[in-house]
Amino acid sequence: MGPDFGAVAASVGLARIVGALLTVALIAAVGVLVGCAVTWAISSTSGSWHTAARARTGVLVALGGAALTGSALAWVNWLLHTGASL
């Protein structure tokens, strides 16, 4: 499933840009998720509760970012469909 770029004039370039941005955002979200999860685990076992709380917040933000990245494809599809029907 991918966006319908048939209604856009520069569809090939736009498809590459959207695909690249979604890929970079997903890779960044997963990287932050792994880093924060490791920090959370290490700081919890060493007794640094302030750092553990910050890392837990980072995990939640990274999960939210991954969810938003996943829903961006549906949003782009909706925008393209709305723009084509105007």
PDB file of N, CA and C in Angstrom:
ATOM      1  N   MET A   1       0.850  -1.165   0.000  1.00  0.00           N
ATOM      2  CA  MET A   1       0.000   0.000   0.000  1.00  0.00           C
ATOM      3  C   MET A   1       0.896   1.228   0.000  1.00  0.00           C
ATOM      4  N   GLY A   2       0.615   2.137  -0.888  1.00  0.00           N
ATOM      5  CA  GLY A   2       1.389   3.361  -0.977  1.00  0.00           C
ATOM      6  C   GLY A   2       0.508   4.493  -1.425  1.00  0.00           C
ATOM      7  N   PRO A   3       0.992   5.710  -1.351  1.00  0.00           N
ATOM      8  CA  PRO A   3       0.196   6.850  -1.772  1.00  0.00           C
ATOM      9  C   PRO A   3      -0.089   6.811  -3.266  1.00  0.00           C
ATOM     10  N   ASP A   4      -1.222   7.365  -3.666  1.00  0.00           N
ATOM     11  CA  ASP A   4      -1.583   7.466  -5.078  1.00  0.00           C
ATOM     12  C   ASP A   4      -1.038   8.785  -5.607  1.00  0.00           C
ATOM     13  N   PHE A   5       0.101   8.717  -6.269  1.00  0.00           N
ATOM     14  CA  PHE A   5       0.748   9.917  -6.775  1.00  0.00           C
ATOM     15  C   PHE A   5       0.333  10.235  -8.210  1.00  0.00           C
ATOM     16  N   GLY A   6      -0.646   9.535  -8.746  1.00  0.00           N
ATOM     17  CA  GLY A   6      -1.067   9.756 -10.122  1.00  0.00           C
ATOM     18  C   GLY A   6      -1.679  11.122 -10.352  1.00  0.00           C
ATOM     19  N   ALA A   7      -2.247  11.732  -9.331  1.00  0.00           N
ATOM     20  CA  ALA A   7      -2.931  13.015  -9.495  1.00  0.00           C
ATOM     21  C   ALA A   7      -1.994  14.208  -9.337  1.00  0.00           C
ATOM     22  N   VAL A   8      -0.725  13.966  -9.029  1.00  0.00           N
ATOM     23  CA  VAL A   8       0.217  15.042  -8.783  1.00  0.00           C
ATOM     24  C   VAL A   8       1.131  15.180 -10.000  1.00  0.00           C
ATOM     25  N   ALA A   9       1.473  16.414 -10.354  1.00  0.00           N
ATOM     26  CA  ALA A   9       2.271  16.655 -11.552  1.00  0.00           C
ATOM     27  C   ALA A   9       3.675  16.062 -11.431  1.00  0.00           C
ATOM     28  N   ALA A  10       4.396  16.342 -10.391  1.00  0.00           N
ATOM     29  CA  ALA A  10       5.755  15.833 -10.194  1.00  0.00           C
ATOM     30  C   ALA A  10       5.723  14.617  -9.293  1.00  0.00           C
ATOM     31  N   SER A  11       5.006  13.591  -9.705  1.00  0.00           N
ATOM     32  CA  SER A  11       4.735  12.461  -8.825  1.00  0.00           C
ATOM     33  C   SER A  11       5.969  11.616  -8.540  1.00  0.00           C
ATOM     34  N   VAL A  12       6.880  11.473  -9.484  1.00  0.00           N
ATOM     35  CA  VAL A  12       8.049  10.624  -9.252  1.00  0.00           C
ATOM     36  C   VAL A  12       8.948  11.240  -8.182  1.00  0.00           C
ATOM     37  N   GLY A  13       9.208  12.523  -8.291  1.00  0.00           N
ATOM     38  CA  GLY A  13      10.038  13.192  -7.292  1.00  0.00           C
ATOM     39  C   GLY A  13       9.388  13.232  -5.934  1.00  0.00           C
ATOM     40  N   LEU A  14       8.085  13.470  -5.914  1.00  0.00           N
ATOM     41  CA  LEU A  14       7.360  13.524  -4.648  1.00  0.00           C
ATOM     42  C   LEU A  14       7.331  12.161  -3.966  1.00  0.00           C
ATOM     43  N   ALA A  15       7.180  11.109  -4.730  1.00  0.00           N
ATOM     44  CA  ALA A  15       7.164   9.763  -4.162  1.00  0.00           C
ATOM     45  C   ALA A  15       8.508   9.433  -3.523  1.00  0.00           C
ATOM     46  N   ARG A  16       9.602   9.830  -4.175  1.00  0.00           N
ATOM     47  CA  ARG A  16      10.926   9.574  -3.618  1.00  0.00           C
ATOM     48  C   ARG A  16      11.152  10.376  -2.339  1.00  0.00           C
ATOM     49  N   ILE A  17      10.710  11.630  -2.335  1.00  0.00           N
ATOM     50  CA  ILE A  17      10.902  12.479  -1.160  1.00  0.00           C
ATOM     51  C   ILE A  17      10.108  11.950   0.026  1.00  0.00           C
ATOM     52  N   VAL A  18       8.849  11.615  -0.197  1.00  0.00           N
ATOM     53  CA  VAL A  18       8.004  11.107   0.893  1.00  0.00           C
ATOM     54  C   VAL A  18       8.545   9.782   1.411  1.00  0.00           C
ATOM     55  N   GLY A  19       8.946   8.905   0.512  1.00  0.00           N
ATOM     56  CA  GLY A  19       9.505   7.619   0.930  1.00  0.00           C
ATOM     57  C   GLY A  19      10.781   7.778   1.734  1.00  0.00           C
ATOM     58  N   ALA A  20      11.639   8.690   1.290  1.00  0.00           N
ATOM     59  CA  ALA A  20      12.898   8.919   2.009  1.00  0.00           C
ATOM     60  C   ALA A  20      12.640   9.519   3.386  1.00  0.00           C
ATOM     61  N   LEU A  21      11.725  10.474   3.472  1.00  0.00           N
ATOM     62  CA  LEU A  21      11.421  11.092   4.761  1.00  0.00           C
ATOM     63  C   LEU A  21      10.807  10.095   5.736  1.00  0.00           C
ATOM     64  N   LEU A  22       9.911   9.246   5.249  1.00  0.00           N
ATOM     65  CA  LEU A  22       9.311   8.232   6.120  1.00  0.00           C
ATOM     66  C   LEU A  22      10.367   7.239   6.602  1.00  0.00           C
ATOM     67  N   THR A  23      11.282   6.862   5.725  1.00  0.00           N
ATOM     68  CA  THR A  23      12.333   5.926   6.104  1.00  0.00           C
ATOM     69  C   THR A  23      13.267   6.536   7.143  1.00  0.00           C
ATOM     70  N   VAL A  24      13.698   7.764   6.914  1.00  0.00           N
ATOM     71  CA  VAL A  24      14.603   8.423   7.857  1.00  0.00           C
ATOM     72  C   VAL A  24      13.922   8.612   9.214  1.00  0.00           C
ATOM     73  N   ALA A  25      12.665   9.014   9.208  1.00  0.00           N
ATOM     74  CA  ALA A  25      11.950   9.220  10.472  1.00  0.00           C
ATOM     75  C   ALA A  25      11.775   7.912  11.234  1.00  0.00           C
ATOM     76  N   LEU A  26      11.490   6.839  10.524  1.00  0.00           N
ATOM     77  CA  LEU A  26      11.319   5.550  11.196  1.00  0.00           C
ATOM     78  C   LEU A  26      12.647   5.039  11.751  1.00  0.00           C
ATOM     79  N   ILE A  27      13.728   5.208  11.005  1.00  0.00           N
ATOM     80  CA  ILE A  27      15.039   4.785  11.493  1.00  0.00           C
ATOM     81  C   ILE A  27      15.437   5.607  12.723  1.00  0.00           C
ATOM     82  N   ALA A  28      15.173   6.904  12.690  1.00  0.00           N
ATOM     83  CA  ALA A  28      15.495   7.757  13.837  1.00  0.00           C
ATOM     84  C   ALA A  28      14.669   7.354  15.060  1.00  0.00           C
ATOM     85  N   ALA A  29      13.384   7.067  14.864  1.00  0.00           N
ATOM     86  CA  ALA A  29      12.529   6.673  15.990  1.00  0.00           C
ATOM     87  C   ALA A  29      13.001   5.360  16.603  1.00  0.00           C
ATOM     88  N   VAL A  30      13.384   4.418  15.778  1.00  0.00           N
ATOM     89  CA  VAL A  30      13.861   3.133  16.297  1.00  0.00           C
ATOM     90  C   VAL A  30      15.203   3.314  17.006  1.00  0.00           C
ATOM     91  N   GLY A  31      16.076   4.151  16.471  1.00  0.00           N
ATOM     92  CA  GLY A  31      17.355   4.416  17.124  1.00  0.00           C
ATOM     93  C   GLY A  31      17.184   5.057  18.490  1.00  0.00           C
ATOM     94  N   VAL A  32      16.306   6.040  18.564  1.00  0.00           N
ATOM     95  CA  VAL A  32      16.033   6.702  19.849  1.00  0.00           C
ATOM     96  C   VAL A  32      15.384   5.716  20.818  1.00  0.00           C
ATOM     97  N   LEU A  33      14.495   4.884  20.316  1.00  0.00           N
ATOM     98  CA  LEU A  33      13.840   3.889  21.161  1.00  0.00           C
ATOM     99  C   LEU A  33      14.858   2.929  21.774  1.00  0.00           C
ATOM    100  N   VAL A  34      15.778   2.436  20.963  1.00  0.00           N
ATOM    101  CA  VAL A  34      16.793   1.507  21.469  1.00  0.00           C
ATOM    102  C   VAL A  34      17.711   2.207  22.481  1.00  0.00           C
ATOM    103  N   GLY A  35      18.145   3.411  22.144  1.00  0.00           N
ATOM    104  CA  GLY A  35      19.029   4.150  23.058  1.00  0.00           C
ATOM    105  C   GLY A  35      18.377   4.445  24.388  1.00  0.00           C
ATOM    106  N   CYS A  36      17.142   4.885  24.357  1.00  0.00           N
ATOM    107  CA  CYS A  36      16.434   5.198  25.607  1.00  0.00           C
ATOM    108  C   CYS A  36      16.113   3.943  26.406  1.00  0.00           C
ATOM    109  N   ALA A  37      15.808   2.849  25.724  1.00  0.00           N
ATOM    110  CA  ALA A  37      15.519   1.607  26.442  1.00  0.00           C
ATOM    111  C   ALA A  37      16.767   1.098  27.155  1.00  0.00           C
ATOM    112  N   VAL A  38      17.920   1.178  26.500  1.00  0.00           N
ATOM    113  CA  VAL A  38      19.170   0.754  27.135  1.00  0.00           C
ATOM    114  C   VAL A  38      19.492   1.665  28.323  1.00  0.00           C
ATOM    115  N   THR A  39      19.328   2.977  28.124  1.00  0.00           N
ATOM    116  CA  THR A  39      19.584   3.916  29.216  1.00  0.00           C
ATOM    117  C   THR A  39      18.645   3.683  30.383  1.00  0.00           C
ATOM    118  N   TRP A  40      17.385   3.411  30.094  1.00  0.00           N
ATOM    119  CA  TRP A  40      16.401   3.134  31.127  1.00  0.00           C
ATOM    120  C   TRP A  40      16.801   1.894  31.925  1.00  0.00           C
ATOM    121  N   ALA A  41      17.214   0.846  31.227  1.00  0.00           N
ATOM    122  CA  ALA A  41      17.588  -0.395  31.907  1.00  0.00           C
ATOM    123  C   ALA A  41      18.830  -0.196  32.780  1.00  0.00           C
ATOM    124  N   ILE A  42      19.827   0.471  32.242  1.00  0.00           N
ATOM    125  CA  ILE A  42      21.062   0.662  33.002  1.00  0.00           C
ATOM    126  C   ILE A  42      20.830   1.576  34.205  1.00  0.00           C
ATOM    127  N   SER A  43      20.101   2.662  33.995  1.00  0.00           N
ATOM    128  CA  SER A  43      19.890   3.598  35.099  1.00  0.00           C
ATOM    129  C   SER A  43      18.956   3.036  36.164  1.00  0.00           C
ATOM    130  N   SER A  44      18.040   2.171  35.781  1.00  0.00           N
ATOM    131  CA  SER A  44      17.167   1.545  36.784  1.00  0.00           C
ATOM    132  C   SER A  44      17.942   0.598  37.682  1.00  0.00           C
ATOM    133  N   THR A  45      18.860  -0.150  37.091  1.00  0.00           N
ATOM    134  CA  THR A  45      19.619  -1.097  37.907  1.00  0.00           C
ATOM    135  C   THR A  45      20.686  -0.413  38.743  1.00  0.00           C
ATOM    136  N   SER A  46      21.151   0.757  38.308  1.00  0.00           N
ATOM    137  CA  SER A  46      22.190   1.442  39.082  1.00  0.00           C
ATOM    138  C   SER A  46      21.599   2.387  40.124  1.00  0.00           C
ATOM    139  N   GLY A  47      20.287   2.577  40.120  1.00  0.00           N
ATOM    140  CA  GLY A  47      19.648   3.395  41.137  1.00  0.00           C
ATOM    141  C   GLY A  47      19.495   4.861  40.777  1.00  0.00           C
ATOM    142  N   SER A  48      19.745   5.214  39.564  1.00  0.00           N
ATOM    143  CA  SER A  48      19.597   6.601  39.130  1.00  0.00           C
ATOM    144  C   SER A  48      18.166   6.808  38.624  1.00  0.00           C
ATOM    145  N   TRP A  49      17.269   7.132  39.544  1.00  0.00           N
ATOM    146  CA  TRP A  49      15.848   7.172  39.210  1.00  0.00           C
ATOM    147  C   TRP A  49      15.485   8.374  38.350  1.00  0.00           C
ATOM    148  N   HIS A  50      16.203   9.471  38.490  1.00  0.00           N
ATOM    149  CA  HIS A  50      15.927  10.645  37.657  1.00  0.00           C
ATOM    150  C   HIS A  50      16.250  10.331  36.193  1.00  0.00           C
ATOM    151  N   THR A  51      17.386   9.703  35.952  1.00  0.00           N
ATOM    152  CA  THR A  51      17.764   9.335  34.584  1.00  0.00           C
ATOM    153  C   THR A  51      16.813   8.279  34.043  1.00  0.00           C
ATOM    154  N   ALA A  52      16.373   7.359  34.880  1.00  0.00           N
ATOM    155  CA  ALA A  52      15.425   6.326  34.448  1.00  0.00           C
ATOM    156  C   ALA A  52      14.103   6.949  34.033  1.00  0.00           C
ATOM    157  N   ALA A  53      13.667   7.964  34.774  1.00  0.00           N
ATOM    158  CA  ALA A  53      12.407   8.633  34.414  1.00  0.00           C
ATOM    159  C   ALA A  53      12.545   9.373  33.088  1.00  0.00           C
ATOM    160  N   ARG A  54      13.687  10.019  32.874  1.00  0.00           N
ATOM    161  CA  ARG A  54      13.921  10.716  31.604  1.00  0.00           C
ATOM    162  C   ARG A  54      13.993   9.724  30.442  1.00  0.00           C
ATOM    163  N   ALA A  55      14.643   8.596  30.658  1.00  0.00           N
ATOM    164  CA  ALA A  55      14.749   7.586  29.605  1.00  0.00           C
ATOM    165  C   ALA A  55      13.383   6.970  29.311  1.00  0.00           C
ATOM    166  N   ARG A  56      12.564   6.780  30.337  1.00  0.00           N
ATOM    167  CA  ARG A  56      11.210   6.260  30.124  1.00  0.00           C
ATOM    168  C   ARG A  56      10.387   7.230  29.295  1.00  0.00           C
ATOM    169  N   THR A  57      10.546   8.521  29.551  1.00  0.00           N
ATOM    170  CA  THR A  57       9.876   9.530  28.736  1.00  0.00           C
ATOM    171  C   THR A  57      10.367   9.471  27.293  1.00  0.00           C
ATOM    172  N   GLY A  58      11.661   9.252  27.114  1.00  0.00           N
ATOM    173  CA  GLY A  58      12.224   9.121  25.777  1.00  0.00           C
ATOM    174  C   GLY A  58      11.660   7.919  25.035  1.00  0.00           C
ATOM    175  N   VAL A  59      11.466   6.808  25.750  1.00  0.00           N
ATOM    176  CA  VAL A  59      10.870   5.624  25.131  1.00  0.00           C
ATOM    177  C   VAL A  59       9.453   5.929  24.657  1.00  0.00           C
ATOM    178  N   LEU A  60       8.684   6.608  25.493  1.00  0.00           N
ATOM    179  CA  LEU A  60       7.303   6.936  25.110  1.00  0.00           C
ATOM    180  C   LEU A  60       7.264   7.909  23.932  1.00  0.00           C
ATOM    181  N   VAL A  61       8.165   8.871  23.917  1.00  0.00           N
ATOM    182  CA  VAL A  61       8.217   9.821  22.803  1.00  0.00           C
ATOM    183  C   VAL A  61       8.627   9.106  21.520  1.00  0.00           C
ATOM    184  N   ALA A  62       9.579   8.193  21.610  1.00  0.00           N
ATOM    185  CA  ALA A  62      10.013   7.442  20.432  1.00  0.00           C
ATOM    186  C   ALA A  62       8.886   6.558  19.891  1.00  0.00           C
ATOM    187  N   LEU A  63       8.125   5.937  20.784  1.00  0.00           N
ATOM    188  CA  LEU A  63       6.978   5.136  20.342  1.00  0.00           C
ATOM    189  C   LEU A  63       5.927   6.013  19.668  1.00  0.00           C
ATOM    190  N   GLY A  64       5.701   7.200  20.221  1.00  0.00           N
ATOM    191  CA  GLY A  64       4.771   8.136  19.586  1.00  0.00           C
ATOM    192  C   GLY A  64       5.261   8.590  18.222  1.00  0.00           C
ATOM    193  N   GLY A  65       6.558   8.834  18.111  1.00  0.00           N
ATOM    194  CA  GLY A  65       7.125   9.218  16.825  1.00  0.00           C
ATOM    195  C   GLY A  65       7.007   8.122  15.791  1.00  0.00           C
ATOM    196  N   ALA A  66       7.224   6.879  16.200  1.00  0.00           N
ATOM    197  CA  ALA A  66       7.067   5.754  15.277  1.00  0.00           C
ATOM    198  C   ALA A  66       5.608   5.604  14.846  1.00  0.00           C
ATOM    199  N   ALA A  67       4.683   5.813  15.769  1.00  0.00           N
ATOM    200  CA  ALA A  67       3.263   5.731  15.419  1.00  0.00           C
ATOM    201  C   ALA A  67       2.864   6.849  14.460  1.00  0.00           C
ATOM    202  N   LEU A  68       3.373   8.045  14.699  1.00  0.00           N
ATOM    203  CA  LEU A  68       3.073   9.157  13.796  1.00  0.00           C
ATOM    204  C   LEU A  68       3.692   8.939  12.418  1.00  0.00           C
ATOM    205  N   THR A  69       4.869   8.364  12.383  1.00  0.00           N
ATOM    206  CA  THR A  69       5.500   8.057  11.107  1.00  0.00           C
ATOM    207  C   THR A  69       4.682   7.030  10.341  1.00  0.00           C
ATOM    208  N   GLY A  70       4.193   6.034  11.041  1.00  0.00           N
ATOM    209  CA  GLY A  70       3.350   5.029  10.388  1.00  0.00           C
ATOM    210  C   GLY A  70       2.041   5.593   9.891  1.00  0.00           C
ATOM    211  N   SER A  71       1.478   6.534  10.628  1.00  0.00           N
ATOM    212  CA  SER A  71       0.206   7.113  10.199  1.00  0.00           C
ATOM    213  C   SER A  71       0.395   8.203   9.148  1.00  0.00           C
ATOM    214  N   ALA A  72       1.630   8.622   8.911  1.00  0.00           N
ATOM    215  CA  ALA A  72       1.879   9.668   7.906  1.00  0.00           C
ATOM    216  C   ALA A  72       1.504   9.209   6.508  1.00  0.00           C
ATOM    217  N   LEU A  73       1.668   7.920   6.217  1.00  0.00           N
ATOM    218  CA  LEU A  73       1.300   7.408   4.905  1.00  0.00           C
ATOM    219  C   LEU A  73      -0.196   7.555   4.659  1.00  0.00           C
ATOM    220  N   ALA A  74      -1.006   7.248   5.661  1.00  0.00           N
ATOM    221  CA  ALA A  74      -2.455   7.414   5.518  1.00  0.00           C
ATOM    222  C   ALA A  74      -2.820   8.889   5.355  1.00  0.00           C
ATOM    223  N   TRP A  75      -2.102   9.771   6.054  1.00  0.00           N
ATOM    224  CA  TRP A  75      -2.375  11.198   5.957  1.00  0.00           C
ATOM    225  C   TRP A  75      -2.028  11.728   4.565  1.00  0.00           C
ATOM    226  N   VAL A  76      -0.892  11.280   4.028  1.00  0.00           N
ATOM    227  CA  VAL A  76      -0.492  11.695   2.678  1.00  0.00           C
ATOM    228  C   VAL A  76      -1.506  11.195   1.656  1.00  0.00           C
ATOM    229  N   ASN A  77      -1.975   9.958   1.810  1.00  0.00           N
ATOM    230  CA  ASN A  77      -3.021   9.444   0.904  1.00  0.00           C
ATOM    231  C   ASN A  77      -4.265  10.306   0.966  1.00  0.00           C
ATOM    232  N   TRP A  78      -4.678  10.685   2.176  1.00  0.00           N
ATOM    233  CA  TRP A  78      -5.876  11.510   2.307  1.00  0.00           C
ATOM    234  C   TRP A  78      -5.682  12.866   1.666  1.00  0.00           C
ATOM    235  N   LEU A  79      -4.522  13.478   1.876  1.00  0.00           N
ATOM    236  CA  LEU A  79      -4.251  14.782   1.264  1.00  0.00           C
ATOM    237  C   LEU A  79      -4.253  14.710  -0.256  1.00  0.00           C
ATOM    238  N   LEU A  80      -3.641  13.666  -0.800  1.00  0.00           N
ATOM    239  CA  LEU A  80      -3.612  13.527  -2.260  1.00  0.00           C
ATOM    240  C   LEU A  80      -5.011  13.283  -2.827  1.00  0.00           C
ATOM    241  N   HIS A  81      -5.810  12.508  -2.116  1.00  0.00           N
ATOM    242  CA  HIS A  81      -7.178  12.265  -2.580  1.00  0.00           C
ATOM    243  C   HIS A  81      -8.013  13.539  -2.501  1.00  0.00           C
ATOM    244  N   THR A  82      -7.856  14.293  -1.433  1.00  0.00           N
ATOM    245  CA  THR A  82      -8.576  15.551  -1.292  1.00  0.00           C
ATOM    246  C   THR A  82      -8.146  16.549  -2.346  1.00  0.00           C
ATOM    247  N   GLY A  83      -6.845  16.638  -2.606  1.00  0.00           N
ATOM    248  CA  GLY A  83      -6.349  17.567  -3.618  1.00  0.00           C
ATOM    249  C   GLY A  83      -6.797  17.190  -5.015  1.00  0.00           C
ATOM    250  N   ALA A  84      -6.902  15.895  -5.298  1.00  0.00           N
ATOM    251  CA  ALA A  84      -7.328  15.466  -6.637  1.00  0.00           C
ATOM    252  C   ALA A  84      -8.806  15.733  -6.853  1.00  0.00           C
ATOM    253  N   SER A  85      -9.603  15.769  -5.789  1.00  0.00           N
ATOM    254  CA  SER A  85     -11.043  15.960  -5.947  1.00  0.00           C
ATOM    255  C   SER A  85     -11.458  17.434  -5.974  1.00  0.00           C
ATOM    256  N   LEU A  86     -10.528  18.346  -5.733  1.00  0.00           N
ATOM    257  CA  LEU A  86     -10.872  19.767  -5.749  1.00  0.00           C
ATOM    258  C   LEU A  86     -11.037  20.301  -7.132  1.00  0.00           C
TER     259      LEU A  86
END
